[in-house]
Each structure stands twice: as C-alpha cells, then as structure tokens.
Amino acid sequence: MGPRDAVTLPKLEQAQKDFQSQREKYQRIRDDLSVKVKLLEENKVRFQFFLSLPFAHVPLMLQLSILLTI
C-alpha cells in the first residue's frame, strides 16, 4: 500500500467504511435468501406430499388452492 499521508488516510478510512457497509448489506441479503430458500424447500415437500394423496381424500378447499398454485 502507498504512503499514508493527510490525503490518502481519509480516503482509506472511507473505503473501509464503504466496504464494511456493503459487506453488511450482502450478509443481510444472503441471510434473507437462505430463509426464503428453506421455506421454499419446506413448501415443496408439503406440495409433493399432497400430490401423492388420492384427490378424493383431500378437502375441496385444499384441492382448489392446490390447483390455483399450479
């Protein structure tokens, strides 16, 4: 790294703040995404379970909601 003088030191500090801010934003988005993926996987398992049932044993409202989501 170059010399740390009165001009470069504030720029370095600002760059470090910007980096930390972007890192925190990335981590929040990553955490949110992992929660969403987990929920999608849980819903997929439930949906596959309902599809494996004979349709006659599934209540009518549930049949309609399944058909509407396809």
PDB file of N, CA and C in Angstrom:
ATOM      1  N   MET A   1       0.845  -1.165   0.000  1.00  0.00           N
ATOM      2  CA  MET A   1       0.000   0.000   0.000  1.00  0.00           C
ATOM      3  C   MET A   1       0.895   1.234   0.000  1.00  0.00           C
ATOM      4  N   GLY A   2       0.405   2.300  -0.594  1.00  0.00           N
ATOM      5  CA  GLY A   2       1.178   3.539  -0.706  1.00  0.00           C
ATOM      6  C   GLY A   2       1.312   4.253   0.626  1.00  0.00           C
ATOM      7  N   PRO A   3       1.943   5.396   0.588  1.00  0.00           N
ATOM      8  CA  PRO A   3       2.154   6.154   1.819  1.00  0.00           C
ATOM      9  C   PRO A   3       0.821   6.649   2.400  1.00  0.00           C
ATOM     10  N   ARG A   4       0.800   6.718   3.726  1.00  0.00           N
ATOM     11  CA  ARG A   4      -0.396   7.201   4.407  1.00  0.00           C
ATOM     12  C   ARG A   4      -0.158   8.639   4.849  1.00  0.00           C
ATOM     13  N   ASP A   5      -0.637   9.548   4.051  1.00  0.00           N
ATOM     14  CA  ASP A   5      -0.471  10.954   4.398  1.00  0.00           C
ATOM     15  C   ASP A   5      -1.841  11.588   4.617  1.00  0.00           C
ATOM     16  N   ALA A   6      -1.888  12.887   4.737  1.00  0.00           N
ATOM     17  CA  ALA A   6      -3.128  13.609   5.041  1.00  0.00           C
ATOM     18  C   ALA A   6      -4.175  13.443   3.940  1.00  0.00           C
ATOM     19  N   VAL A   7      -3.753  13.133   2.728  1.00  0.00           N
ATOM     20  CA  VAL A   7      -4.693  12.981   1.614  1.00  0.00           C
ATOM     21  C   VAL A   7      -5.208  11.545   1.524  1.00  0.00           C
ATOM     22  N   THR A   8      -4.322  10.588   1.658  1.00  0.00           N
ATOM     23  CA  THR A   8      -4.727   9.194   1.444  1.00  0.00           C
ATOM     24  C   THR A   8      -5.405   8.572   2.657  1.00  0.00           C
ATOM     25  N   LEU A   9      -5.082   9.018   3.862  1.00  0.00           N
ATOM     26  CA  LEU A   9      -5.660   8.421   5.066  1.00  0.00           C
ATOM     27  C   LEU A   9      -7.185   8.564   5.123  1.00  0.00           C
ATOM     28  N   PRO A  10      -7.772   9.738   4.870  1.00  0.00           N
ATOM     29  CA  PRO A  10      -9.244   9.831   4.865  1.00  0.00           C
ATOM     30  C   PRO A  10      -9.896   8.981   3.767  1.00  0.00           C
ATOM     31  N   LYS A  11      -9.225   8.900   2.622  1.00  0.00           N
ATOM     32  CA  LYS A  11      -9.760   8.069   1.533  1.00  0.00           C
ATOM     33  C   LYS A  11      -9.750   6.594   1.932  1.00  0.00           C
ATOM     34  N   LEU A  12      -8.690   6.177   2.600  1.00  0.00           N
ATOM     35  CA  LEU A  12      -8.583   4.793   3.058  1.00  0.00           C
ATOM     36  C   LEU A  12      -9.669   4.485   4.082  1.00  0.00           C
ATOM     37  N   GLU A  13      -9.868   5.394   5.022  1.00  0.00           N
ATOM     38  CA  GLU A  13     -10.901   5.200   6.037  1.00  0.00           C
ATOM     39  C   GLU A  13     -12.292   5.130   5.402  1.00  0.00           C
ATOM     40  N   GLN A  14     -12.555   5.996   4.428  1.00  0.00           N
ATOM     41  CA  GLN A  14     -13.849   5.986   3.750  1.00  0.00           C
ATOM     42  C   GLN A  14     -14.040   4.689   2.961  1.00  0.00           C
ATOM     43  N   ALA A  15     -12.977   4.235   2.326  1.00  0.00           N
ATOM     44  CA  ALA A  15     -13.062   2.983   1.575  1.00  0.00           C
ATOM     45  C   ALA A  15     -13.356   1.807   2.512  1.00  0.00           C
ATOM     46  N   GLN A  16     -12.750   1.814   3.690  1.00  0.00           N
ATOM     47  CA  GLN A  16     -13.004   0.751   4.664  1.00  0.00           C
ATOM     48  C   GLN A  16     -14.442   0.805   5.173  1.00  0.00           C
ATOM     49  N   LYS A  17     -14.982   2.011   5.411  1.00  0.00           N
ATOM     50  CA  LYS A  17     -16.380   2.157   5.831  1.00  0.00           C
ATOM     51  C   LYS A  17     -17.329   1.671   4.734  1.00  0.00           C
ATOM     52  N   ASP A  18     -17.037   2.052   3.496  1.00  0.00           N
ATOM     53  CA  ASP A  18     -17.869   1.621   2.370  1.00  0.00           C
ATOM     54  C   ASP A  18     -17.849   0.102   2.227  1.00  0.00           C
ATOM     55  N   PHE A  19     -16.670  -0.469   2.373  1.00  0.00           N
ATOM     56  CA  PHE A  19     -16.533  -1.923   2.278  1.00  0.00           C
ATOM     57  C   PHE A  19     -17.343  -2.613   3.360  1.00  0.00           C
ATOM     58  N   GLN A  20     -17.255  -2.127   4.596  1.00  0.00           N
ATOM     59  CA  GLN A  20     -17.983  -2.728   5.715  1.00  0.00           C
ATOM     60  C   GLN A  20     -19.488  -2.604   5.505  1.00  0.00           C
ATOM     61  N   SER A  21     -19.916  -1.465   5.013  1.00  0.00           N
ATOM     62  CA  SER A  21     -21.341  -1.246   4.751  1.00  0.00           C
ATOM     63  C   SER A  21     -21.850  -2.227   3.694  1.00  0.00           C
ATOM     64  N   GLN A  22     -21.107  -2.365   2.615  1.00  0.00           N
ATOM     65  CA  GLN A  22     -21.500  -3.292   1.552  1.00  0.00           C
ATOM     66  C   GLN A  22     -21.477  -4.737   2.046  1.00  0.00           C
ATOM     67  N   ARG A  23     -20.510  -5.052   2.887  1.00  0.00           N
ATOM     68  CA  ARG A  23     -20.409  -6.408   3.436  1.00  0.00           C
ATOM     69  C   ARG A  23     -21.628  -6.736   4.307  1.00  0.00           C
ATOM     70  N   GLU A  24     -22.045  -5.780   5.149  1.00  0.00           N
ATOM     71  CA  GLU A  24     -23.220  -5.986   5.994  1.00  0.00           C
ATOM     72  C   GLU A  24     -24.484  -6.121   5.153  1.00  0.00           C
ATOM     73  N   LYS A  25     -24.595  -5.301   4.107  1.00  0.00           N
ATOM     74  CA  LYS A  25     -25.752  -5.380   3.204  1.00  0.00           C
ATOM     75  C   LYS A  25     -25.787  -6.751   2.518  1.00  0.00           C
ATOM     76  N   TYR A  26     -24.660  -7.207   2.031  1.00  0.00           N
ATOM     77  CA  TYR A  26     -24.567  -8.523   1.386  1.00  0.00           C
ATOM     78  C   TYR A  26     -24.974  -9.629   2.358  1.00  0.00           C
ATOM     79  N   GLN A  27     -24.504  -9.542   3.604  1.00  0.00           N
ATOM     80  CA  GLN A  27     -24.807 -10.571   4.598  1.00  0.00           C
ATOM     81  C   GLN A  27     -26.299 -10.603   4.914  1.00  0.00           C
ATOM     82  N   ARG A  28     -26.934  -9.429   5.033  1.00  0.00           N
ATOM     83  CA  ARG A  28     -28.383  -9.376   5.278  1.00  0.00           C
ATOM     84  C   ARG A  28     -29.149 -10.022   4.129  1.00  0.00           C
ATOM     85  N   ILE A  29     -28.766  -9.685   2.903  1.00  0.00           N
ATOM     86  CA  ILE A  29     -29.441 -10.253   1.729  1.00  0.00           C
ATOM     87  C   ILE A  29     -29.224 -11.760   1.677  1.00  0.00           C
ATOM     88  N   ARG A  30     -28.029 -12.199   1.980  1.00  0.00           N
ATOM     89  CA  ARG A  30     -27.709 -13.626   1.981  1.00  0.00           C
ATOM     90  C   ARG A  30     -28.532 -14.373   3.034  1.00  0.00           C
ATOM     91  N   ASP A  31     -28.647 -13.795   4.233  1.00  0.00           N
ATOM     92  CA  ASP A  31     -29.443 -14.418   5.290  1.00  0.00           C
ATOM     93  C   ASP A  31     -30.917 -14.487   4.903  1.00  0.00           C
ATOM     94  N   ASP A  32     -31.445 -13.393   4.334  1.00  0.00           N
ATOM     95  CA  ASP A  32     -32.837 -13.381   3.889  1.00  0.00           C
ATOM     96  C   ASP A  32     -33.079 -14.449   2.824  1.00  0.00           C
ATOM     97  N   LEU A  33     -32.148 -14.556   1.915  1.00  0.00           N
ATOM     98  CA  LEU A  33     -32.286 -15.536   0.846  1.00  0.00           C
ATOM     99  C   LEU A  33     -32.251 -16.956   1.377  1.00  0.00           C
ATOM    100  N   SER A  34     -31.393 -17.223   2.349  1.00  0.00           N
ATOM    101  CA  SER A  34     -31.321 -18.586   2.890  1.00  0.00           C
ATOM    102  C   SER A  34     -32.625 -18.956   3.592  1.00  0.00           C
ATOM    103  N   VAL A  35     -33.265 -17.985   4.254  1.00  0.00           N
ATOM    104  CA  VAL A  35     -34.566 -18.243   4.889  1.00  0.00           C
ATOM    105  C   VAL A  35     -35.613 -18.536   3.820  1.00  0.00           C
ATOM    106  N   LYS A  36     -35.619 -17.753   2.755  1.00  0.00           N
ATOM    107  CA  LYS A  36     -36.599 -17.951   1.678  1.00  0.00           C
ATOM    108  C   LYS A  36     -36.403 -19.304   1.004  1.00  0.00           C
ATOM    109  N   VAL A  37     -35.175 -19.695   0.776  1.00  0.00           N
ATOM    110  CA  VAL A  37     -34.907 -20.992   0.150  1.00  0.00           C
ATOM    111  C   VAL A  37     -35.381 -22.122   1.059  1.00  0.00           C
ATOM    112  N   LYS A  38     -35.133 -21.990   2.357  1.00  0.00           N
ATOM    113  CA  LYS A  38     -35.572 -23.004   3.310  1.00  0.00           C
ATOM    114  C   LYS A  38     -37.095 -23.139   3.287  1.00  0.00           C
ATOM    115  N   LEU A  39     -37.808 -21.999   3.265  1.00  0.00           N
ATOM    116  CA  LEU A  39     -39.269 -22.034   3.204  1.00  0.00           C
ATOM    117  C   LEU A  39     -39.763 -22.659   1.902  1.00  0.00           C
ATOM    118  N   LEU A  40     -39.106 -22.336   0.803  1.00  0.00           N
ATOM    119  CA  LEU A  40     -39.489 -22.940  -0.477  1.00  0.00           C
ATOM    120  C   LEU A  40     -39.299 -24.454  -0.460  1.00  0.00           C
ATOM    121  N   GLU A  41     -38.214 -24.910   0.145  1.00  0.00           N
ATOM    122  CA  GLU A  41     -37.974 -26.351   0.233  1.00  0.00           C
ATOM    123  C   GLU A  41     -39.031 -27.025   1.094  1.00  0.00           C
ATOM    124  N   GLU A  42     -39.425 -26.387   2.210  1.00  0.00           N
ATOM    125  CA  GLU A  42     -40.466 -26.950   3.062  1.00  0.00           C
ATOM    126  C   GLU A  42     -41.795 -27.014   2.315  1.00  0.00           C
ATOM    127  N   ASN A  43     -42.119 -25.968   1.580  1.00  0.00           N
ATOM    128  CA  ASN A  43     -43.357 -25.955   0.812  1.00  0.00           C
ATOM    129  C   ASN A  43     -43.337 -27.003  -0.291  1.00  0.00           C
ATOM    130  N   LYS A  44     -42.174 -27.224  -0.875  1.00  0.00           N
ATOM    131  CA  LYS A  44     -42.055 -28.234  -1.930  1.00  0.00           C
ATOM    132  C   LYS A  44     -42.355 -29.618  -1.364  1.00  0.00           C
ATOM    133  N   VAL A  45     -41.838 -29.917  -0.175  1.00  0.00           N
ATOM    134  CA  VAL A  45     -42.082 -31.212   0.460  1.00  0.00           C
ATOM    135  C   VAL A  45     -43.573 -31.368   0.748  1.00  0.00           C
ATOM    136  N   ARG A  46     -44.205 -30.315   1.294  1.00  0.00           N
ATOM    137  CA  ARG A  46     -45.640 -30.377   1.576  1.00  0.00           C
ATOM    138  C   ARG A  46     -46.439 -30.576   0.294  1.00  0.00           C
ATOM    139  N   PHE A  47     -46.075 -29.845  -0.734  1.00  0.00           N
ATOM    140  CA  PHE A  47     -46.795 -29.930  -2.001  1.00  0.00           C
ATOM    141  C   PHE A  47     -46.664 -31.332  -2.598  1.00  0.00           C
ATOM    142  N   GLN A  48     -45.464 -31.895  -2.554  1.00  0.00           N
ATOM    143  CA  GLN A  48     -45.265 -33.246  -3.075  1.00  0.00           C
ATOM    144  C   GLN A  48     -46.073 -34.255  -2.271  1.00  0.00           C
ATOM    145  N   PHE A  49     -46.179 -34.046  -0.957  1.00  0.00           N
ATOM    146  CA  PHE A  49     -46.987 -34.928  -0.127  1.00  0.00           C
ATOM    147  C   PHE A  49     -48.444 -34.862  -0.544  1.00  0.00           C
ATOM    148  N   PHE A  50     -48.975 -33.671  -0.729  1.00  0.00           N
ATOM    149  CA  PHE A  50     -50.380 -33.541  -1.129  1.00  0.00           C
ATOM    150  C   PHE A  50     -50.630 -34.114  -2.513  1.00  0.00           C
ATOM    151  N   LEU A  51     -49.655 -33.990  -3.402  1.00  0.00           N
ATOM    152  CA  LEU A  51     -49.831 -34.566  -4.735  1.00  0.00           C
ATOM    153  C   LEU A  51     -49.830 -36.092  -4.698  1.00  0.00           C
ATOM    154  N   SER A  52     -49.174 -36.653  -3.696  1.00  0.00           N
ATOM    155  CA  SER A  52     -49.124 -38.113  -3.604  1.00  0.00           C
ATOM    156  C   SER A  52     -50.426 -38.702  -3.039  1.00  0.00           C
ATOM    157  N   LEU A  53     -51.241 -37.851  -2.407  1.00  0.00           N
ATOM    158  CA  LEU A  53     -52.511 -38.337  -1.859  1.00  0.00           C
ATOM    159  C   LEU A  53     -53.542 -38.509  -2.970  1.00  0.00           C
ATOM    160  N   PRO A  54     -54.433 -39.495  -2.803  1.00  0.00           N
ATOM    161  CA  PRO A  54     -55.556 -39.566  -3.751  1.00  0.00           C
ATOM    162  C   PRO A  54     -56.397 -38.309  -3.597  1.00  0.00           C
ATOM    163  N   PHE A  55     -56.822 -37.735  -4.697  1.00  0.00           N
ATOM    164  CA  PHE A  55     -57.517 -36.451  -4.650  1.00  0.00           C
ATOM    165  C   PHE A  55     -58.837 -36.523  -3.889  1.00  0.00           C
ATOM    166  N   ALA A  56     -59.432 -37.684  -3.810  1.00  0.00           N
ATOM    167  CA  ALA A  56     -60.722 -37.821  -3.121  1.00  0.00           C
ATOM    168  C   ALA A  56     -60.578 -37.602  -1.618  1.00  0.00           C
ATOM    169  N   HIS A  57     -59.391 -37.827  -1.069  1.00  0.00           N
ATOM    170  CA  HIS A  57     -59.190 -37.689   0.364  1.00  0.00           C
ATOM    171  C   HIS A  57     -58.755 -36.284   0.775  1.00  0.00           C
ATOM    172  N   VAL A  58     -58.559 -35.426  -0.191  1.00  0.00           N
ATOM    173  CA  VAL A  58     -58.123 -34.065   0.092  1.00  0.00           C
ATOM    174  C   VAL A  58     -59.368 -33.169   0.125  1.00  0.00           C
ATOM    175  N   PRO A  59     -59.536 -32.369   1.176  1.00  0.00           N
ATOM    176  CA  PRO A  59     -60.707 -31.482   1.239  1.00  0.00           C
ATOM    177  C   PRO A  59     -60.810 -30.579   0.014  1.00  0.00           C
ATOM    178  N   LEU A  60     -62.034 -30.210  -0.319  1.00  0.00           N
ATOM    179  CA  LEU A  60     -62.297 -29.441  -1.531  1.00  0.00           C
ATOM    180  C   LEU A  60     -61.532 -28.115  -1.560  1.00  0.00           C
ATOM    181  N   MET A  61     -61.521 -27.385  -0.453  1.00  0.00           N
ATOM    182  CA  MET A  61     -60.822 -26.093  -0.438  1.00  0.00           C
ATOM    183  C   MET A  61     -59.327 -26.283  -0.690  1.00  0.00           C
ATOM    184  N   LEU A  62     -58.766 -27.349  -0.163  1.00  0.00           N
ATOM    185  CA  LEU A  62     -57.354 -27.615  -0.385  1.00  0.00           C
ATOM    186  C   LEU A  62     -57.122 -27.988  -1.843  1.00  0.00           C
ATOM    187  N   GLN A  63     -58.032 -28.747  -2.419  1.00  0.00           N
ATOM    188  CA  GLN A  63     -57.905 -29.084  -3.844  1.00  0.00           C
ATOM    189  C   GLN A  63     -57.883 -27.832  -4.674  1.00  0.00           C
ATOM    190  N   LEU A  64     -58.775 -26.892  -4.375  1.00  0.00           N
ATOM    191  CA  LEU A  64     -58.820 -25.638  -5.132  1.00  0.00           C
ATOM    192  C   LEU A  64     -57.536 -24.832  -4.952  1.00  0.00           C
ATOM    193  N   SER A  65     -57.035 -24.775  -3.730  1.00  0.00           N
ATOM    194  CA  SER A  65     -55.820 -23.985  -3.512  1.00  0.00           C
ATOM    195  C   SER A  65     -54.626 -24.628  -4.216  1.00  0.00           C
ATOM    196  N   ILE A  66     -54.595 -25.962  -4.261  1.00  0.00           N
ATOM    197  CA  ILE A  66     -53.507 -26.644  -4.980  1.00  0.00           C
ATOM    198  C   ILE A  66     -53.598 -26.360  -6.464  1.00  0.00           C
ATOM    199  N   LEU A  67     -54.796 -26.436  -7.008  1.00  0.00           N
ATOM    200  CA  LEU A  67     -54.973 -26.197  -8.441  1.00  0.00           C
ATOM    201  C   LEU A  67     -54.651 -24.751  -8.806  1.00  0.00           C
ATOM    202  N   LEU A  68     -54.940 -23.822  -7.939  1.00  0.00           N
ATOM    203  CA  LEU A  68     -54.690 -22.421  -8.219  1.00  0.00           C
ATOM    204  C   LEU A  68     -53.195 -22.091  -8.174  1.00  0.00           C
ATOM    205  N   THR A  69     -52.419 -22.867  -7.452  1.00  0.00           N
ATOM    206  CA  THR A  69     -50.981 -22.586  -7.344  1.00  0.00           C
ATOM    207  C   THR A  69     -50.182 -23.248  -8.462  1.00  0.00           C
ATOM    208  N   ILE A  70     -50.787 -24.108  -9.224  1.00  0.00           N
ATOM    209  CA  ILE A  70     -50.057 -24.802 -10.301  1.00  0.00           C
ATOM    210  C   ILE A  70     -49.947 -23.902 -11.505  1.00  0.00           C
TER     211      ILE A  70
END
